[in-house]
Amino acid sequence: MTKAELVNAIAIETGYDKVTILNIVESGMNQIKRSVAKNESVYLRSFGSFIAKQRKEKIARDISKNISVVVPAHKVPAFKPAAEFAKAVL
């Protein structure tokens, strides 16, 4: 499902216009991005959590130059589904 399809489905279900729904969806996604970027977790009950995971420094290979490269420690965004969400998918 794309963002446009999500907006359309919500608009049909709620009866609100698509422009309003699009603004709400965009605002929600921006708030989640800002929070995770500040290393704050976002918990949505019965849906899941958006978190920033810390990756350790590691050695990788650049196969085109055949050399070792150090990949520094960094954060990556992650999503952990709630138990109810995971059960619904199974």
Protein backbone atom coordinates (compact mmCIF):
# COMPACT_ATOMS: atom_id res chain seq x y z
CA MET A 1 0.00 0.00 0.00
CA THR A 2 1.36 3.40 -0.96
CA LYS A 3 0.88 6.63 0.96
CA ALA A 4 -1.71 7.75 -1.60
CA GLU A 5 -3.64 4.49 -1.16
CA LEU A 6 -3.48 4.87 2.62
CA VAL A 7 -4.79 8.44 2.42
CA ASN A 8 -7.59 7.32 0.09
CA ALA A 9 -8.60 4.43 2.39
CA ILE A 10 -8.67 6.69 5.46
CA ALA A 11 -10.66 9.34 3.57
CA ILE A 12 -13.27 6.76 2.54
CA GLU A 13 -13.47 5.29 6.06
CA THR A 14 -13.73 8.62 7.89
CA GLY A 15 -15.50 10.81 5.35
CA TYR A 16 -12.86 13.57 5.56
CA ASP A 17 -11.35 15.04 2.41
CA LYS A 18 -8.07 13.65 1.07
CA VAL A 19 -6.13 16.91 1.49
CA THR A 20 -6.88 17.00 5.23
CA ILE A 21 -5.97 13.32 5.63
CA LEU A 22 -2.74 13.79 3.64
CA ASN A 23 -1.70 16.70 5.90
CA ILE A 24 -2.39 14.59 9.01
CA VAL A 25 -0.48 11.57 7.68
CA GLU A 26 2.49 13.76 6.63
CA SER A 27 2.51 15.51 10.00
CA GLY A 28 2.43 12.18 11.85
CA MET A 29 5.32 10.79 9.81
CA ASN A 30 7.34 13.98 10.35
CA GLN A 31 6.78 13.82 14.11
CA ILE A 32 7.92 10.18 14.19
CA LYS A 33 11.05 11.03 12.14
CA ARG A 34 11.94 13.96 14.40
CA SER A 35 11.48 11.92 17.58
CA VAL A 36 13.54 8.96 16.38
CA ALA A 37 16.25 11.34 15.10
CA LYS A 38 16.45 12.78 18.65
CA ASN A 39 16.85 9.20 19.94
CA GLU A 40 13.33 9.21 21.43
CA SER A 41 11.16 6.13 20.94
CA VAL A 42 7.60 6.46 19.66
CA TYR A 43 5.19 3.93 21.22
CA LEU A 44 1.81 3.35 19.56
CA ARG A 45 -0.25 1.01 21.75
CA SER A 46 -1.37 -2.18 19.94
CA PHE A 47 0.60 -1.12 16.83
CA GLY A 48 4.31 -1.00 17.66
CA SER A 49 7.35 1.11 18.46
CA PHE A 50 9.62 3.22 16.28
CA ILE A 51 13.11 3.25 17.78
CA ALA A 52 16.71 4.18 16.95
CA LYS A 53 19.04 1.18 17.20
CA GLN A 54 22.75 1.66 17.78
CA ARG A 55 25.08 -0.26 15.44
CA LYS A 56 28.63 -1.02 16.55
CA GLU A 57 31.74 -0.05 14.62
CA LYS A 58 32.81 -2.82 12.23
CA ILE A 59 35.30 -3.71 9.54
CA ALA A 60 33.90 -4.10 6.00
CA ARG A 61 35.46 -4.83 2.62
CA ASP A 62 35.50 -2.59 -0.44
CA ILE A 63 35.61 -5.36 -3.02
CA SER A 64 36.24 -3.06 -5.97
CA LYS A 65 39.50 -1.79 -4.40
CA ASN A 66 40.16 -4.94 -2.33
CA ILE A 67 40.73 -3.00 0.90
CA SER A 68 39.30 -3.07 4.41
CA VAL A 69 37.17 -0.13 5.48
CA VAL A 70 36.07 0.86 8.98
CA VAL A 71 32.35 1.54 9.22
CA PRO A 72 31.86 3.82 12.25
CA ALA A 73 29.22 3.24 14.92
CA HIS A 74 25.89 4.73 13.87
CA LYS A 75 22.16 4.73 14.58
CA VAL A 76 19.53 3.19 12.29
CA PRO A 77 15.74 3.55 12.52
CA ALA A 78 13.79 0.41 13.37
CA PHE A 79 10.20 -0.69 13.94
CA LYS A 80 9.16 -3.31 16.50
CA PRO A 81 5.56 -4.48 16.07
CA ALA A 82 3.32 -4.93 19.10
CA ALA A 83 2.15 -8.45 19.96
CA GLU A 84 -1.37 -7.71 18.67
CA PHE A 85 0.05 -6.47 15.36
CA ALA A 86 2.28 -9.55 15.00
CA LYS A 87 -0.64 -11.92 15.73
CA ALA A 88 -2.82 -10.19 13.12
CA VAL A 89 -0.15 -10.71 10.47
CA LEU A 90 0.31 -14.42 11.20
